[in-house]
Amino acid sequence: MINPVKQGQPDHYLFVIDTNIYAGNFEREMCAYITGQIGECGVGKDNAEIAKKEISDVVAQLEDLVELAPDEHGCARPVSIFPNPRYGNDGHGNHALLTDKNREQFPWPAYYSVAIFFHSIPDSGLLNIMKERARKIASRRVGLKGFEEKIGIEGFRLLEQHTTYKESNL
């Protein structure tokens, strides 16, 4: 069956920020600071306001490109945690940088990355500004209250997300 929404086109483009720690405590704050966009939950409102003051023209451009996607609870958000392929998880809350020696001990993904959803690819100028702002907010303590941490950024990726359907006989 063909994807009925965008036949052959990606569902989203993902701007991925790979970090060195679990991203679930800071992804919404980081996205708000980078893009000025927040989800229905409202987390990151203060950082979104900072972005609107510091880079209002960029925020206006990104507002037309950022896409909200439902999280596992149905809350529409412009961002999600995402696996960093350099790290693994043992299934008991322990994470490690993967090596040939420990790969079997940590076979599950480690959500050390931040993925911001777009319906089309931002131009190189916007991507560079987003990278710069990611580095800037990562250099200071960021995160949910009580979980603020200094974040190490390992790199950036641009991905396409495709949903496929396969029809089965009833």
Protein backbone atom coordinates (compact mmCIF):
# COMPACT_ATOMS: atom_id res chain seq x y z
CA MET A 1 0.00 0.00 0.00
CA ILE A 2 1.30 3.47 -0.82
CA ASN A 3 1.58 6.05 1.94
CA PRO A 4 -1.75 7.83 1.42
CA VAL A 5 -0.51 11.16 2.76
CA LYS A 6 2.59 11.93 0.73
CA GLN A 7 2.98 9.13 -1.81
CA GLY A 8 6.70 8.47 -1.94
CA GLN A 9 7.70 11.61 -0.06
CA PRO A 10 9.22 11.57 3.43
CA ASP A 11 6.83 11.95 6.36
CA HIS A 12 9.34 14.32 7.93
CA TYR A 13 12.88 15.51 7.60
CA LEU A 14 14.79 15.24 10.86
CA PHE A 15 17.53 17.60 11.97
CA VAL A 16 19.36 15.39 14.46
CA ILE A 17 21.73 16.65 17.14
CA ASP A 18 23.88 13.80 18.47
CA THR A 19 24.96 14.31 22.09
CA ASN A 20 26.87 12.40 24.75
CA ILE A 21 24.05 12.06 27.32
CA TYR A 22 20.42 10.94 27.53
CA ALA A 23 18.36 13.56 25.67
CA GLY A 24 15.01 13.05 27.40
CA ASN A 25 15.76 15.69 30.02
CA PHE A 26 16.56 18.53 27.63
CA GLU A 27 15.29 17.92 24.08
CA ARG A 28 12.30 20.30 24.29
CA GLU A 29 14.33 23.10 25.92
CA MET A 30 17.06 22.73 23.28
CA CYS A 31 14.56 22.73 20.39
CA ALA A 32 12.85 25.84 21.75
CA TYR A 33 16.15 27.70 22.01
CA ILE A 34 17.25 26.63 18.51
CA THR A 35 13.95 27.15 16.65
CA GLY A 36 11.65 29.22 18.86
CA GLN A 37 9.08 26.40 18.56
CA ILE A 38 7.36 24.49 21.36
CA GLY A 39 4.79 21.73 21.45
CA GLU A 40 1.34 21.50 23.01
CA CYS A 41 2.90 20.66 26.38
CA GLY A 42 4.45 24.14 26.55
CA VAL A 43 7.86 22.93 27.76
CA GLY A 44 10.60 25.30 26.60
CA LYS A 45 8.47 28.44 26.55
CA ASP A 46 11.20 30.58 28.16
CA ASN A 47 13.82 29.41 25.65
CA ALA A 48 11.40 29.99 22.78
CA GLU A 49 10.96 33.58 23.97
CA ILE A 50 14.75 34.01 24.08
CA ALA A 51 15.00 32.72 20.50
CA LYS A 52 12.25 35.10 19.35
CA LYS A 53 14.17 38.03 20.84
CA GLU A 54 17.62 37.00 19.61
CA ILE A 55 16.79 35.70 16.11
CA SER A 56 13.23 36.78 15.34
CA ASP A 57 13.70 36.64 11.55
CA VAL A 58 15.09 33.07 11.77
CA VAL A 59 12.28 31.98 14.10
CA ALA A 60 9.74 33.33 11.58
CA GLN A 61 11.36 31.28 8.80
CA LEU A 62 11.56 28.14 10.93
CA GLU A 63 7.93 28.51 11.99
CA ASP A 64 6.98 27.79 8.37
CA LEU A 65 9.26 24.72 8.21
CA VAL A 66 8.97 23.01 11.60
CA GLU A 67 6.38 20.27 11.83
CA LEU A 68 4.60 19.01 14.92
CA ALA A 69 4.44 15.24 15.37
CA PRO A 70 2.54 13.36 18.07
CA ASP A 71 4.59 11.74 20.82
CA GLU A 72 3.67 8.39 22.40
CA HIS A 73 0.90 10.13 24.39
CA GLY A 74 -0.56 12.03 21.42
CA CYS A 75 0.94 15.40 22.42
CA ALA A 76 2.04 17.30 19.31
CA ARG A 77 5.71 18.32 19.57
CA PRO A 78 8.34 19.66 17.16
CA VAL A 79 11.03 17.43 18.68
CA SER A 80 11.71 13.96 19.98
CA ILE A 81 14.53 12.02 21.53
CA PHE A 82 16.33 9.86 18.99
CA PRO A 83 18.93 7.08 19.03
CA ASN A 84 22.59 8.01 18.76
CA PRO A 85 24.18 5.10 16.85
CA ARG A 86 27.45 5.44 18.81
CA TYR A 87 25.80 4.39 22.10
CA GLY A 88 23.92 1.36 23.34
CA ASN A 89 21.58 0.48 26.18
CA ASP A 90 21.57 -2.80 28.16
CA GLY A 91 17.81 -2.69 28.81
CA HIS A 92 18.35 -1.92 32.51
CA GLY A 93 19.06 1.81 32.25
CA ASN A 94 22.79 1.47 31.68
CA HIS A 95 24.34 3.11 28.62
CA ALA A 96 27.77 2.90 27.05
CA LEU A 97 29.77 4.13 24.11
CA LEU A 98 29.77 1.07 21.83
CA THR A 99 32.94 -0.85 21.10
CA ASP A 100 33.55 -4.22 19.51
CA LYS A 101 33.93 -5.67 23.02
CA ASN A 102 30.69 -4.36 24.59
CA ARG A 103 28.28 -4.26 21.62
CA GLU A 104 26.51 -7.47 22.72
CA GLN A 105 26.09 -6.17 26.29
CA PHE A 106 24.36 -2.99 25.03
CA PRO A 107 22.19 -4.18 22.10
CA TRP A 108 19.36 -1.62 22.40
CA PRO A 109 19.36 2.00 21.26
CA ALA A 110 20.47 4.80 23.56
CA TYR A 111 18.38 7.93 23.10
CA TYR A 112 21.24 10.41 23.25
CA SER A 113 20.12 12.51 20.28
CA VAL A 114 17.56 15.24 19.66
CA ALA A 115 15.47 15.12 16.45
CA ILE A 116 13.63 18.25 15.27
CA PHE A 117 10.85 17.60 12.72
CA PHE A 118 10.59 19.55 9.46
CA HIS A 119 8.20 19.21 6.53
CA SER A 120 10.89 20.51 4.17
CA ILE A 121 14.65 20.91 4.45
CA PRO A 122 15.89 24.23 5.83
CA ASP A 123 18.47 25.98 3.64
CA SER A 124 22.16 25.82 4.56
CA GLY A 125 22.05 29.24 6.23
CA LEU A 126 19.27 28.15 8.59
CA LEU A 127 21.00 24.82 9.25
CA ASN A 128 24.21 26.66 10.20
CA ILE A 129 22.32 28.96 12.58
CA MET A 130 20.61 25.95 14.16
CA LYS A 131 24.00 24.22 14.65
CA GLU A 132 25.45 27.38 16.19
CA ARG A 133 22.52 27.75 18.60
CA ALA A 134 22.68 24.05 19.54
CA ARG A 135 26.35 24.45 20.44
CA LYS A 136 25.59 27.64 22.37
CA ILE A 137 22.84 26.16 24.56
CA ALA A 138 24.80 22.92 25.05
CA SER A 139 27.75 24.85 26.46
CA ARG A 140 25.67 25.90 29.47
CA ARG A 141 23.43 23.90 31.74
CA VAL A 142 20.12 23.05 30.07
CA GLY A 143 17.23 20.74 30.85
CA LEU A 144 14.15 20.18 32.90
CA LYS A 145 14.30 21.63 36.40
CA GLY A 146 16.53 19.44 38.53
CA PHE A 147 18.07 17.72 35.50
CA GLU A 148 20.10 20.60 34.07
CA GLU A 149 23.33 19.38 32.50
CA LYS A 150 26.15 20.58 30.31
CA ILE A 151 25.83 18.70 27.02
CA GLY A 152 28.53 17.54 24.65
CA ILE A 153 27.51 17.73 20.99
CA GLU A 154 29.07 15.01 18.87
CA GLY A 155 27.62 15.98 15.51
CA PHE A 156 24.60 16.72 13.37
CA ARG A 157 22.63 14.64 10.86
CA LEU A 158 19.82 15.31 8.40
CA LEU A 159 17.51 12.33 7.89
CA GLU A 160 14.33 11.50 5.99
CA GLN A 161 11.62 9.60 7.86
CA HIS A 162 9.41 7.36 5.73
CA THR A 163 6.41 5.33 6.86
CA THR A 164 5.62 2.33 4.72
CA TYR A 165 2.55 0.15 4.69
CA LYS A 166 2.18 -3.42 3.54
CA GLU A 167 -1.29 -4.76 2.93
CA SER A 168 -2.06 -8.24 4.21
CA ASN A 169 -4.83 -10.58 3.16
CA LEU A 170 -7.68 -10.91 5.63
